[in-house]
Amino acid sequence: MRLINQTKNTVLAEDVFIANTPFKRIKGLLGEKVFLPNQAIILDPCNSVHTFFMRFAIDILFVDKDYKVVKALPKFSPNRISRIYWHSSRVIELPAGRLNLTNTQAKDQLQLSD
């Protein structure tokens, strides 16, 4: 599954994992040693995240039900907690630097495709 930024006409990720059960959302990236540049994880539903016990920084996108970016948090460091974004229904986690590389920001429209 691919994640595309339609606004900027760029590919954010080619290998997208959807964490849509309580266990998958809790696990998320915990325990992972690497996060490859073409990977992403979508936490659904979700409007706040933490990076406790993670080994690396990540880029975070808070998106609404239509995959419009509510908030973009680049290079979110380990051992932090985000605020709650009430208008967000999902969170997309990407390798650190991916938002800068694709110039993805708030109000961009994203799309999932096969």
C-alpha atoms as a PDB file:
ATOM      1  CA  MET A   1       0.000   0.000   0.000  1.00  0.00           C
ATOM      2  CA  ARG A   2       1.290   3.495  -0.897  1.00  0.00           C
ATOM      3  CA  LEU A   3       0.811   6.805   0.883  1.00  0.00           C
ATOM      4  CA  ILE A   4       0.724   9.774  -1.484  1.00  0.00           C
ATOM      5  CA  ASN A   5       0.686  13.501  -0.798  1.00  0.00           C
ATOM      6  CA  GLN A   6      -1.772  14.626  -3.486  1.00  0.00           C
ATOM      7  CA  THR A   7      -1.167  18.309  -2.777  1.00  0.00           C
ATOM      8  CA  LYS A   8       2.573  18.070  -3.454  1.00  0.00           C
ATOM      9  CA  ASN A   9       2.363  15.102  -5.866  1.00  0.00           C
ATOM     10  CA  THR A  10       4.927  13.111  -3.869  1.00  0.00           C
ATOM     11  CA  VAL A  11       5.102   9.604  -2.443  1.00  0.00           C
ATOM     12  CA  LEU A  12       5.502   9.542   1.334  1.00  0.00           C
ATOM     13  CA  ALA A  13       5.757   5.752   1.677  1.00  0.00           C
ATOM     14  CA  GLU A  14       5.573   2.585  -0.416  1.00  0.00           C
ATOM     15  CA  ASP A  15       5.223   0.146   2.496  1.00  0.00           C
ATOM     16  CA  VAL A  16       2.344   1.192   4.769  1.00  0.00           C
ATOM     17  CA  PHE A  17       1.220  -0.802   7.807  1.00  0.00           C
ATOM     18  CA  ILE A  18      -2.184  -0.013   9.325  1.00  0.00           C
ATOM     19  CA  ALA A  19      -2.413  -0.489  13.090  1.00  0.00           C
ATOM     20  CA  ASN A  20      -6.161  -0.644  13.611  1.00  0.00           C
ATOM     21  CA  THR A  21      -6.521  -2.850  16.681  1.00  0.00           C
ATOM     22  CA  PRO A  22      -5.715  -1.892  20.282  1.00  0.00           C
ATOM     23  CA  PHE A  23      -2.718  -4.262  20.412  1.00  0.00           C
ATOM     24  CA  LYS A  24      -1.277  -3.078  17.084  1.00  0.00           C
ATOM     25  CA  ARG A  25      -1.669   0.582  18.104  1.00  0.00           C
ATOM     26  CA  ILE A  26      -0.010  -0.004  21.493  1.00  0.00           C
ATOM     27  CA  LYS A  27       2.866  -1.897  19.872  1.00  0.00           C
ATOM     28  CA  GLY A  28       3.354   0.614  17.051  1.00  0.00           C
ATOM     29  CA  LEU A  29       7.101   1.049  16.546  1.00  0.00           C
ATOM     30  CA  LEU A  30       8.090  -0.059  20.053  1.00  0.00           C
ATOM     31  CA  GLY A  31      11.001  -2.464  19.922  1.00  0.00           C
ATOM     32  CA  GLU A  32      11.835  -1.712  16.288  1.00  0.00           C
ATOM     33  CA  LYS A  33      15.517  -1.106  15.562  1.00  0.00           C
ATOM     34  CA  VAL A  34      15.103   0.562  12.163  1.00  0.00           C
ATOM     35  CA  PHE A  35      12.438   2.441  10.259  1.00  0.00           C
ATOM     36  CA  LEU A  36      13.194   2.278   6.542  1.00  0.00           C
ATOM     37  CA  PRO A  37      12.735   5.390   4.349  1.00  0.00           C
ATOM     38  CA  ASN A  38       9.864   3.843   2.379  1.00  0.00           C
ATOM     39  CA  GLN A  39       7.872   2.689   5.431  1.00  0.00           C
ATOM     40  CA  ALA A  40       4.966   4.235   7.340  1.00  0.00           C
ATOM     41  CA  ILE A  41       2.588   3.148  10.067  1.00  0.00           C
ATOM     42  CA  ILE A  42      -0.953   4.463  10.390  1.00  0.00           C
ATOM     43  CA  LEU A  43      -2.488   4.385  13.869  1.00  0.00           C
ATOM     44  CA  ASP A  44      -6.263   4.278  13.426  1.00  0.00           C
ATOM     45  CA  PRO A  45      -7.994   5.709  15.409  1.00  0.00           C
ATOM     46  CA  CYS A  46      -5.529   8.022  17.147  1.00  0.00           C
ATOM     47  CA  ASN A  47      -5.127  11.699  18.058  1.00  0.00           C
ATOM     48  CA  SER A  48      -2.062  11.662  20.347  1.00  0.00           C
ATOM     49  CA  VAL A  49       1.168   9.651  20.476  1.00  0.00           C
ATOM     50  CA  HIS A  50       4.210   9.040  22.624  1.00  0.00           C
ATOM     51  CA  THR A  51       7.731   7.940  21.778  1.00  0.00           C
ATOM     52  CA  PHE A  52       8.697   6.432  25.125  1.00  0.00           C
ATOM     53  CA  PHE A  53      11.109   3.503  24.758  1.00  0.00           C
ATOM     54  CA  MET A  54      11.701   4.237  21.063  1.00  0.00           C
ATOM     55  CA  ARG A  55      15.230   4.178  19.669  1.00  0.00           C
ATOM     56  CA  PHE A  56      14.941   6.904  17.032  1.00  0.00           C
ATOM     57  CA  ALA A  57      13.149  10.135  16.109  1.00  0.00           C
ATOM     58  CA  ILE A  58      10.163   9.984  13.748  1.00  0.00           C
ATOM     59  CA  ASP A  59       8.062  12.354  11.664  1.00  0.00           C
ATOM     60  CA  ILE A  60       4.410  12.472  12.698  1.00  0.00           C
ATOM     61  CA  LEU A  61       1.304  13.499  10.774  1.00  0.00           C
ATOM     62  CA  PHE A  62      -2.040  13.978  12.474  1.00  0.00           C
ATOM     63  CA  VAL A  63      -4.758  13.593   9.830  1.00  0.00           C
ATOM     64  CA  ASP A  64      -8.535  13.887   9.803  1.00  0.00           C
ATOM     65  CA  LYS A  65     -10.987  11.233   8.606  1.00  0.00           C
ATOM     66  CA  ASP A  66     -10.407  12.299   4.983  1.00  0.00           C
ATOM     67  CA  TYR A  67      -6.575  12.120   5.294  1.00  0.00           C
ATOM     68  CA  LYS A  68      -6.125  15.904   5.311  1.00  0.00           C
ATOM     69  CA  VAL A  69      -3.121  16.876   7.441  1.00  0.00           C
ATOM     70  CA  VAL A  70      -4.165  18.600  10.681  1.00  0.00           C
ATOM     71  CA  LYS A  71      -0.656  18.919  12.126  1.00  0.00           C
ATOM     72  CA  ALA A  72       2.854  17.887  11.040  1.00  0.00           C
ATOM     73  CA  LEU A  73       5.559  17.239  13.642  1.00  0.00           C
ATOM     74  CA  PRO A  74       8.971  16.646  12.052  1.00  0.00           C
ATOM     75  CA  LYS A  75      11.767  14.821  13.885  1.00  0.00           C
ATOM     76  CA  PHE A  76       9.782  14.029  17.031  1.00  0.00           C
ATOM     77  CA  SER A  77      12.399  12.771  19.495  1.00  0.00           C
ATOM     78  CA  PRO A  78      12.240   9.610  21.622  1.00  0.00           C
ATOM     79  CA  ASN A  79      10.748   9.812  25.129  1.00  0.00           C
ATOM     80  CA  ARG A  80       8.212  12.529  24.372  1.00  0.00           C
ATOM     81  CA  ILE A  81       4.438  12.785  24.285  1.00  0.00           C
ATOM     82  CA  SER A  82       2.433  14.844  21.829  1.00  0.00           C
ATOM     83  CA  ARG A  83      -0.497  16.987  22.721  1.00  0.00           C
ATOM     84  CA  ILE A  84      -3.973  15.816  21.721  1.00  0.00           C
ATOM     85  CA  TYR A  85      -5.144  17.012  18.308  1.00  0.00           C
ATOM     86  CA  TRP A  86      -8.917  16.851  18.633  1.00  0.00           C
ATOM     87  CA  HIS A  87      -9.562  17.163  14.875  1.00  0.00           C
ATOM     88  CA  SER A  88      -7.260  14.236  14.115  1.00  0.00           C
ATOM     89  CA  SER A  89      -8.717  10.783  13.627  1.00  0.00           C
ATOM     90  CA  ARG A  90      -5.483   9.019  12.584  1.00  0.00           C
ATOM     91  CA  VAL A  91      -1.749   9.387  13.089  1.00  0.00           C
ATOM     92  CA  ILE A  92       0.830   8.568  10.442  1.00  0.00           C
ATOM     93  CA  GLU A  93       4.373   7.846  11.599  1.00  0.00           C
ATOM     94  CA  LEU A  94       7.204   8.155   9.099  1.00  0.00           C
ATOM     95  CA  PRO A  95      10.996   7.983   9.273  1.00  0.00           C
ATOM     96  CA  ALA A  96      12.560  11.239  10.493  1.00  0.00           C
ATOM     97  CA  GLY A  97      13.292  13.587   7.608  1.00  0.00           C
ATOM     98  CA  ARG A  98      10.524  12.336   5.326  1.00  0.00           C
ATOM     99  CA  LEU A  99       8.291  15.398   5.904  1.00  0.00           C
ATOM    100  CA  ASN A 100      11.143  17.752   5.037  1.00  0.00           C
ATOM    101  CA  LEU A 101      12.092  15.713   1.975  1.00  0.00           C
ATOM    102  CA  THR A 102       8.525  15.777   0.601  1.00  0.00           C
ATOM    103  CA  ASN A 103       7.642  19.262   1.930  1.00  0.00           C
ATOM    104  CA  THR A 104       4.544  17.790   3.606  1.00  0.00           C
ATOM    105  CA  GLN A 105       2.733  20.172   5.932  1.00  0.00           C
ATOM    106  CA  ALA A 106      -0.609  21.044   7.513  1.00  0.00           C
ATOM    107  CA  LYS A 107      -3.574  21.234   5.097  1.00  0.00           C
ATOM    108  CA  ASP A 108      -1.972  18.859   2.550  1.00  0.00           C
ATOM    109  CA  GLN A 109      -4.293  16.175   1.213  1.00  0.00           C
ATOM    110  CA  LEU A 110      -3.022  12.595   1.462  1.00  0.00           C
ATOM    111  CA  GLN A 111      -4.261   9.390  -0.165  1.00  0.00           C
ATOM    112  CA  LEU A 112      -3.749   5.659   0.371  1.00  0.00           C
ATOM    113  CA  SER A 113      -3.562   3.537  -2.772  1.00  0.00           C
ATOM    114  CA  ASP A 114      -2.840  -0.068  -3.658  1.00  0.00           C
END
